[in-house]
Amino acid sequence: MTARIYLPARSAMQSGQAKDTWSLTFEPERAREIDPLMGWTSSTDMKSQVTLRFDSKEQAIDYAQRNGVAYRVEEPKAATRKVISYSDNFRYNRLAPWSH
């Protein structure tokens, strides 16, 4: 049983940079099975449904160590921000052609 500790990405509806909670999820022990009648995927692994949230990465690591859970930490990637200006839409040496 291995756990994955990571900082979830923000949803598409969020515009801020704040990411507040770290998550600990368990990796599946068995592959999902396809139901032959309905075609649904199912799993008998109940730990795949568990997600624990922590205020900091250290708290999540402490929890995993206290409970004897093997874990791996995935560090968040730095967000790259593309700085553009509204006036760039009207430049005379614009790379993309104007749309209308």
Protein backbone atom coordinates (compact mmCIF):
# COMPACT_ATOMS: atom_id res chain seq x y z
CA MET A 1 0.00 0.00 0.00
CA THR A 2 1.65 3.18 -1.22
CA ALA A 3 0.33 6.67 -0.69
CA ARG A 4 0.81 9.68 -2.92
CA ILE A 5 1.23 13.08 -1.23
CA TYR A 6 0.66 16.02 -3.56
CA LEU A 7 -0.66 19.54 -3.82
CA PRO A 8 -3.75 19.37 -6.06
CA ALA A 9 -3.98 21.69 -9.03
CA ARG A 10 -6.55 24.43 -8.85
CA SER A 11 -9.74 24.00 -10.82
CA ALA A 12 -10.49 25.91 -13.99
CA MET A 13 -12.91 28.09 -12.05
CA GLN A 14 -10.20 29.48 -9.75
CA SER A 15 -8.07 32.41 -10.79
CA GLY A 16 -5.96 32.89 -7.67
CA GLN A 17 -2.56 31.39 -6.92
CA ALA A 18 -3.42 30.09 -3.44
CA LYS A 19 -3.26 26.33 -3.00
CA ASP A 20 -4.16 25.60 0.56
CA THR A 21 -4.32 21.86 1.28
CA TRP A 22 -2.09 18.89 0.55
CA SER A 23 -3.75 15.57 -0.31
CA LEU A 24 -2.81 12.01 0.56
CA THR A 25 -4.37 9.37 -1.68
CA PHE A 26 -3.70 5.66 -1.81
CA GLU A 27 -2.58 4.08 -5.06
CA PRO A 28 -4.78 1.21 -6.24
CA GLU A 29 -3.64 -2.25 -5.22
CA ARG A 30 -5.54 -3.96 -8.04
CA ALA A 31 -6.55 -2.91 -11.51
CA ARG A 32 -10.15 -1.93 -12.20
CA GLU A 33 -12.40 -4.59 -13.68
CA ILE A 34 -14.97 -4.17 -16.44
CA ASP A 35 -18.42 -5.51 -15.73
CA PRO A 36 -19.29 -7.82 -18.65
CA LEU A 37 -23.02 -7.02 -18.58
CA MET A 38 -23.11 -3.23 -18.22
CA GLY A 39 -19.55 -2.30 -19.21
CA TRP A 40 -18.99 -0.25 -16.05
CA THR A 41 -15.60 -0.22 -14.41
CA SER A 42 -15.47 -1.27 -10.79
CA SER A 43 -12.94 -1.99 -8.11
CA THR A 44 -12.97 -3.88 -4.84
CA ASP A 45 -10.16 -1.71 -3.48
CA MET A 46 -11.82 0.53 -0.89
CA LYS A 47 -8.71 2.60 -0.18
CA SER A 48 -8.85 4.07 -3.67
CA GLN A 49 -11.88 6.07 -2.51
CA VAL A 50 -10.05 7.68 0.43
CA THR A 51 -8.50 11.13 0.13
CA LEU A 52 -7.05 12.76 3.23
CA ARG A 53 -6.37 16.51 3.27
CA PHE A 54 -3.70 18.25 5.35
CA ASP A 55 -2.73 21.87 5.91
CA SER A 56 0.93 21.24 5.13
CA LYS A 57 3.18 18.70 3.45
CA GLU A 58 4.92 17.96 6.76
CA GLN A 59 1.61 16.99 8.40
CA ALA A 60 0.85 14.54 5.59
CA ILE A 61 4.34 13.00 5.84
CA ASP A 62 4.00 12.70 9.64
CA TYR A 63 0.65 10.95 9.23
CA ALA A 64 2.10 8.45 6.77
CA GLN A 65 5.11 7.75 8.99
CA ARG A 66 2.97 7.36 12.14
CA ASN A 67 0.71 4.83 10.44
CA GLY A 68 3.48 2.92 8.65
CA VAL A 69 2.31 3.84 5.16
CA ALA A 70 4.87 3.94 2.37
CA TYR A 71 4.58 7.27 0.57
CA ARG A 72 6.00 9.36 -2.22
CA VAL A 73 5.86 13.13 -2.35
CA GLU A 74 5.14 14.93 -5.62
CA GLU A 75 6.34 18.50 -5.48
CA PRO A 76 4.18 21.08 -7.28
CA LYS A 77 5.45 22.52 -10.53
CA ALA A 78 5.99 26.25 -10.74
CA ALA A 79 3.30 28.00 -12.72
CA THR A 80 4.54 29.83 -15.77
CA ARG A 81 2.68 33.03 -16.40
CA LYS A 82 2.56 34.49 -19.86
CA VAL A 83 2.65 38.26 -19.57
CA ILE A 84 0.63 39.86 -22.33
CA SER A 85 -0.95 43.21 -22.84
CA TYR A 86 -4.25 44.13 -24.46
CA SER A 87 -2.43 46.54 -26.73
CA ASP A 88 -0.42 43.63 -28.17
CA ASN A 89 -3.57 42.68 -30.11
CA PHE A 90 -3.13 45.79 -32.26
CA ARG A 91 0.62 45.69 -32.97
CA TYR A 92 1.62 46.23 -36.58
CA ASN A 93 4.26 43.44 -36.48
CA ARG A 94 1.87 40.89 -35.02
CA LEU A 95 2.85 37.25 -35.69
CA ALA A 96 -0.67 35.86 -36.07
CA PRO A 97 -3.01 37.45 -38.59
CA TRP A 98 -5.85 39.61 -37.36
CA SER A 99 -9.09 37.69 -37.16
CA HIS A 100 -11.43 40.17 -38.84
